[in-house]
PDB file of all heavy atoms in Angstrom:
ATOM      1  N   ALA A   1       0.831  -1.203   0.000  1.00  0.00           N
ATOM      2  CA  ALA A   1       0.000   0.000   0.000  1.00  0.00           C
ATOM      3  C   ALA A   1       0.866   1.253   0.000  1.00  0.00           C
ATOM      4  O   ALA A   1       0.545   2.244  -0.679  1.00  0.00           O
ATOM      5  CB  ALA A   1      -0.931  -0.003   1.213  1.00  0.00           C
ATOM      6  N   ALA A   2       1.976   1.222   0.738  1.00  0.00           N
ATOM      7  CA  ALA A   2       2.884   2.377   0.762  1.00  0.00           C
ATOM      8  C   ALA A   2       3.459   2.651  -0.625  1.00  0.00           C
ATOM      9  O   ALA A   2       3.611   3.802  -1.036  1.00  0.00           O
ATOM     10  CB  ALA A   2       4.004   2.142   1.769  1.00  0.00           C
ATOM     11  N   ILE A   3       3.777   1.595  -1.355  1.00  0.00           N
ATOM     12  CA  ILE A   3       4.280   1.762  -2.729  1.00  0.00           C
ATOM     13  C   ILE A   3       3.218   2.438  -3.595  1.00  0.00           C
ATOM     14  O   ILE A   3       3.509   3.351  -4.379  1.00  0.00           O
ATOM     15  CB  ILE A   3       4.680   0.399  -3.319  1.00  0.00           C
ATOM     16  CG1 ILE A   3       5.920  -0.147  -2.609  1.00  0.00           C
ATOM     17  CG2 ILE A   3       4.941   0.512  -4.825  1.00  0.00           C
ATOM     18  CD1 ILE A   3       6.261  -1.576  -2.968  1.00  0.00           C
ATOM     19  N   ALA A   4       1.970   2.013  -3.449  1.00  0.00           N
ATOM     20  CA  ALA A   4       0.885   2.600  -4.234  1.00  0.00           C
ATOM     21  C   ALA A   4       0.679   4.067  -3.871  1.00  0.00           C
ATOM     22  O   ALA A   4       0.458   4.915  -4.758  1.00  0.00           O
ATOM     23  CB  ALA A   4      -0.403   1.809  -4.021  1.00  0.00           C
ATOM     24  N   VAL A   5       0.744   4.396  -2.589  1.00  0.00           N
ATOM     25  CA  VAL A   5       0.576   5.787  -2.167  1.00  0.00           C
ATOM     26  C   VAL A   5       1.680   6.661  -2.752  1.00  0.00           C
ATOM     27  O   VAL A   5       1.427   7.753  -3.277  1.00  0.00           O
ATOM     28  CB  VAL A   5       0.570   5.890  -0.627  1.00  0.00           C
ATOM     29  CG1 VAL A   5       0.588   7.357  -0.194  1.00  0.00           C
ATOM     30  CG2 VAL A   5      -0.648   5.195  -0.042  1.00  0.00           C
ATOM     31  N   GLU A   6       2.906   6.175  -2.672  1.00  0.00           N
ATOM     32  CA  GLU A   6       4.015   6.959  -3.216  1.00  0.00           C
ATOM     33  C   GLU A   6       3.923   7.080  -4.732  1.00  0.00           C
ATOM     34  O   GLU A   6       4.268   8.121  -5.302  1.00  0.00           O
ATOM     35  CB  GLU A   6       5.352   6.332  -2.811  1.00  0.00           C
ATOM     36  CG  GLU A   6       6.584   7.053  -3.332  1.00  0.00           C
ATOM     37  CD  GLU A   6       6.750   8.470  -2.787  1.00  0.00           C
ATOM     38  OE1 GLU A   6       5.927   8.909  -1.949  1.00  0.00           O
ATOM     39  OE2 GLU A   6       7.709   9.154  -3.207  1.00  0.00           O
ATOM     40  N   THR A   7       3.437   6.051  -5.389  1.00  0.00           N
ATOM     41  CA  THR A   7       3.209   6.136  -6.831  1.00  0.00           C
ATOM     42  C   THR A   7       2.216   7.258  -7.144  1.00  0.00           C
ATOM     43  O   THR A   7       2.437   8.062  -8.054  1.00  0.00           O
ATOM     44  CB  THR A   7       2.673   4.801  -7.368  1.00  0.00           C
ATOM     45  OG1 THR A   7       3.661   3.780  -7.160  1.00  0.00           O
ATOM     46  CG2 THR A   7       2.351   4.887  -8.849  1.00  0.00           C
ATOM     47  N   ALA A   8       1.131   7.310  -6.382  1.00  0.00           N
ATOM     48  CA  ALA A   8       0.141   8.367  -6.583  1.00  0.00           C
ATOM     49  C   ALA A   8       0.751   9.738  -6.333  1.00  0.00           C
ATOM     50  O   ALA A   8       0.487  10.695  -7.075  1.00  0.00           O
ATOM     51  CB  ALA A   8      -1.058   8.144  -5.660  1.00  0.00           C
ATOM     52  N   ARG A   9       1.571   9.851  -5.290  1.00  0.00           N
ATOM     53  CA  ARG A   9       2.192  11.149  -4.976  1.00  0.00           C
ATOM     54  C   ARG A   9       3.116  11.607  -6.100  1.00  0.00           C
ATOM     55  O   ARG A   9       3.067  12.766  -6.546  1.00  0.00           O
ATOM     56  CB  ARG A   9       2.984  11.061  -3.677  1.00  0.00           C
ATOM     57  CG  ARG A   9       3.515  12.417  -3.189  1.00  0.00           C
ATOM     58  CD  ARG A   9       4.445  12.259  -2.010  1.00  0.00           C
ATOM     59  NE  ARG A   9       5.720  11.697  -2.427  1.00  0.00           N
ATOM     60  CZ  ARG A   9       6.733  12.418  -2.932  1.00  0.00           C
ATOM     61  NH1 ARG A   9       6.602  13.731  -3.098  1.00  0.00           N
ATOM     62  NH2 ARG A   9       7.861  11.847  -3.273  1.00  0.00           N
ATOM     63  N   LEU A  10       3.958  10.713  -6.591  1.00  0.00           N
ATOM     64  CA  LEU A  10       4.912  11.084  -7.639  1.00  0.00           C
ATOM     65  C   LEU A  10       4.199  11.514  -8.914  1.00  0.00           C
ATOM     66  O   LEU A  10       4.561  12.517  -9.544  1.00  0.00           O
ATOM     67  CB  LEU A  10       5.862   9.921  -7.916  1.00  0.00           C
ATOM     68  CG  LEU A  10       6.848   9.589  -6.786  1.00  0.00           C
ATOM     69  CD1 LEU A  10       7.580   8.283  -7.076  1.00  0.00           C
ATOM     70  CD2 LEU A  10       7.849  10.731  -6.602  1.00  0.00           C
ATOM     71  N   TRP A  11       3.170  10.772  -9.312  1.00  0.00           N
ATOM     72  CA  TRP A  11       2.424  11.141 -10.508  1.00  0.00           C
ATOM     73  C   TRP A  11       1.670  12.461 -10.307  1.00  0.00           C
ATOM     74  O   TRP A  11       1.590  13.287 -11.223  1.00  0.00           O
ATOM     75  CB  TRP A  11       1.455  10.032 -10.893  1.00  0.00           C
ATOM     76  CG  TRP A  11       2.056   8.968 -11.745  1.00  0.00           C
ATOM     77  CD1 TRP A  11       2.457   7.726 -11.361  1.00  0.00           C
ATOM     78  CD2 TRP A  11       2.316   9.039 -13.153  1.00  0.00           C
ATOM     79  NE1 TRP A  11       2.963   7.018 -12.444  1.00  0.00           N
ATOM     80  CE2 TRP A  11       2.872   7.807 -13.552  1.00  0.00           C
ATOM     81  CE3 TRP A  11       2.133  10.031 -14.122  1.00  0.00           C
ATOM     82  CZ2 TRP A  11       3.243   7.541 -14.873  1.00  0.00           C
ATOM     83  CZ3 TRP A  11       2.500   9.771 -15.427  1.00  0.00           C
ATOM     84  CH2 TRP A  11       3.047   8.540 -15.801  1.00  0.00           C
ATOM     85  N   THR A  12       1.122  12.658  -9.113  1.00  0.00           N
ATOM     86  CA  THR A  12       0.376  13.890  -8.846  1.00  0.00           C
ATOM     87  C   THR A  12       1.262  15.111  -8.978  1.00  0.00           C
ATOM     88  O   THR A  12       0.915  16.090  -9.668  1.00  0.00           O
ATOM     89  CB  THR A  12      -0.233  13.841  -7.431  1.00  0.00           C
ATOM     90  OG1 THR A  12      -1.238  12.825  -7.379  1.00  0.00           O
ATOM     91  CG2 THR A  12      -0.858  15.177  -7.057  1.00  0.00           C
ATOM     92  N   PHE A  13       2.406  15.089  -8.329  1.00  0.00           N
ATOM     93  CA  PHE A  13       3.270  16.265  -8.363  1.00  0.00           C
ATOM     94  C   PHE A  13       3.981  16.395  -9.704  1.00  0.00           C
ATOM     95  O   PHE A  13       4.290  17.510 -10.131  1.00  0.00           O
ATOM     96  CB  PHE A  13       4.250  16.229  -7.191  1.00  0.00           C
ATOM     97  CG  PHE A  13       3.590  16.580  -5.891  1.00  0.00           C
ATOM     98  CD1 PHE A  13       2.977  15.619  -5.115  1.00  0.00           C
ATOM     99  CD2 PHE A  13       3.534  17.897  -5.456  1.00  0.00           C
ATOM    100  CE1 PHE A  13       2.329  15.939  -3.932  1.00  0.00           C
ATOM    101  CE2 PHE A  13       2.895  18.235  -4.275  1.00  0.00           C
ATOM    102  CZ  PHE A  13       2.287  17.255  -3.508  1.00  0.00           C
ATOM    103  N   GLY A  14       4.195  15.279 -10.380  1.00  0.00           N
ATOM    104  CA  GLY A  14       4.696  15.361 -11.741  1.00  0.00           C
ATOM    105  C   GLY A  14       3.690  16.015 -12.659  1.00  0.00           C
ATOM    106  O   GLY A  14       4.036  16.853 -13.502  1.00  0.00           O
ATOM    107  N   ALA A  15       2.420  15.663 -12.493  1.00  0.00           N
ATOM    108  CA  ALA A  15       1.367  16.242 -13.327  1.00  0.00           C
ATOM    109  C   ALA A  15       1.169  17.722 -13.023  1.00  0.00           C
ATOM    110  O   ALA A  15       0.865  18.512 -13.929  1.00  0.00           O
ATOM    111  CB  ALA A  15       0.060  15.486 -13.121  1.00  0.00           C
ATOM    112  N   ALA A  16       1.316  18.114 -11.769  1.00  0.00           N
ATOM    113  CA  ALA A  16       1.184  19.526 -11.412  1.00  0.00           C
ATOM    114  C   ALA A  16       2.179  20.383 -12.184  1.00  0.00           C
ATOM    115  O   ALA A  16       1.879  21.526 -12.569  1.00  0.00           O
ATOM    116  CB  ALA A  16       1.383  19.717  -9.913  1.00  0.00           C
ATOM    117  N   GLN A  17       3.360  19.833 -12.444  1.00  0.00           N
ATOM    118  CA  GLN A  17       4.368  20.549 -13.224  1.00  0.00           C
ATOM    119  C   GLN A  17       4.127  20.385 -14.722  1.00  0.00           C
ATOM    120  O   GLN A  17       4.167  21.350 -15.489  1.00  0.00           O
ATOM    121  CB  GLN A  17       5.766  20.028 -12.861  1.00  0.00           C
ATOM    122  CG  GLN A  17       6.166  20.286 -11.424  1.00  0.00           C
ATOM    123  CD  GLN A  17       6.229  21.767 -11.088  1.00  0.00           C
ATOM    124  OE1 GLN A  17       6.661  22.582 -11.902  1.00  0.00           O
ATOM    125  NE2 GLN A  17       5.787  22.128  -9.895  1.00  0.00           N
ATOM    126  N   ALA A  18       3.850  19.165 -15.162  1.00  0.00           N
ATOM    127  CA  ALA A  18       3.695  18.893 -16.595  1.00  0.00           C
ATOM    128  C   ALA A  18       2.495  19.616 -17.187  1.00  0.00           C
ATOM    129  O   ALA A  18       2.476  19.917 -18.385  1.00  0.00           O
ATOM    130  CB  ALA A  18       3.564  17.392 -16.830  1.00  0.00           C
ATOM    131  N   ALA A  19       1.494  19.908 -16.370  1.00  0.00           N
ATOM    132  CA  ALA A  19       0.294  20.585 -16.877  1.00  0.00           C
ATOM    133  C   ALA A  19       0.612  21.935 -17.493  1.00  0.00           C
ATOM    134  O   ALA A  19      -0.170  22.452 -18.297  1.00  0.00           O
ATOM    135  CB  ALA A  19      -0.725  20.757 -15.749  1.00  0.00           C
ATOM    136  N   HIS A  20       1.755  22.504 -17.147  1.00  0.00           N
ATOM    137  CA  HIS A  20       2.118  23.833 -17.626  1.00  0.00           C
ATOM    138  C   HIS A  20       3.183  23.799 -18.716  1.00  0.00           C
ATOM    139  O   HIS A  20       3.774  24.848 -19.033  1.00  0.00           O
ATOM    140  CB  HIS A  20       2.587  24.682 -16.442  1.00  0.00           C
ATOM    141  CG  HIS A  20       1.578  24.791 -15.340  1.00  0.00           C
ATOM    142  ND1 HIS A  20       0.426  25.534 -15.466  1.00  0.00           N
ATOM    143  CD2 HIS A  20       1.529  24.218 -14.111  1.00  0.00           C
ATOM    144  CE1 HIS A  20      -0.286  25.432 -14.348  1.00  0.00           C
ATOM    145  NE2 HIS A  20       0.354  24.643 -13.517  1.00  0.00           N
ATOM    146  N   LEU A  21       3.432  22.639 -19.294  1.00  0.00           N
ATOM    147  CA  LEU A  21       4.369  22.555 -20.401  1.00  0.00           C
ATOM    148  C   LEU A  21       3.868  23.385 -21.584  1.00  0.00           C
ATOM    149  O   LEU A  21       2.660  23.483 -21.830  1.00  0.00           O
ATOM    150  CB  LEU A  21       4.540  21.103 -20.845  1.00  0.00           C
ATOM    151  CG  LEU A  21       5.313  20.167 -19.901  1.00  0.00           C
ATOM    152  CD1 LEU A  21       5.180  18.726 -20.376  1.00  0.00           C
ATOM    153  CD2 LEU A  21       6.783  20.574 -19.822  1.00  0.00           C
ATOM    154  N   GLU A  22       4.787  23.969 -22.335  1.00  0.00           N
ATOM    155  CA  GLU A  22       4.398  24.741 -23.511  1.00  0.00           C
ATOM    156  C   GLU A  22       3.777  23.851 -24.577  1.00  0.00           C
ATOM    157  O   GLU A  22       2.894  24.287 -25.322  1.00  0.00           O
ATOM    158  CB  GLU A  22       5.611  25.482 -24.074  1.00  0.00           C
ATOM    159  CG  GLU A  22       6.109  26.609 -23.182  1.00  0.00           C
ATOM    160  CD  GLU A  22       7.230  27.381 -23.826  1.00  0.00           C
ATOM    161  OE1 GLU A  22       7.500  27.162 -25.032  1.00  0.00           O
ATOM    162  OE2 GLU A  22       7.846  28.214 -23.135  1.00  0.00           O
ATOM    163  N   ASP A  23       4.237  22.618 -24.667  1.00  0.00           N
ATOM    164  CA  ASP A  23       3.687  21.660 -25.625  1.00  0.00           C
ATOM    165  C   ASP A  23       2.369  21.134 -25.066  1.00  0.00           C
ATOM    166  O   ASP A  23       2.346  20.309 -24.153  1.00  0.00           O
ATOM    167  CB  ASP A  23       4.675  20.518 -25.846  1.00  0.00           C
ATOM    168  CG  ASP A  23       4.220  19.528 -26.913  1.00  0.00           C
ATOM    169  OD1 ASP A  23       3.007  19.448 -27.182  1.00  0.00           O
ATOM    170  OD2 ASP A  23       5.080  18.811 -27.457  1.00  0.00           O
ATOM    171  N   ALA A  24       1.251  21.620 -25.596  1.00  0.00           N
ATOM    172  CA  ALA A  24      -0.062  21.268 -25.060  1.00  0.00           C
ATOM    173  C   ALA A  24      -0.320  19.772 -25.140  1.00  0.00           C
ATOM    174  O   ALA A  24      -0.874  19.185 -24.209  1.00  0.00           O
ATOM    175  CB  ALA A  24      -1.155  22.027 -25.800  1.00  0.00           C
TER     176      ALA A  24
END
């Protein structure tokens, strides 16, 4: 479960940054 939680965290914060890429 800890692995799954950390997976969700990494993707979430990665997406928070990637959402603002110039390449739509």
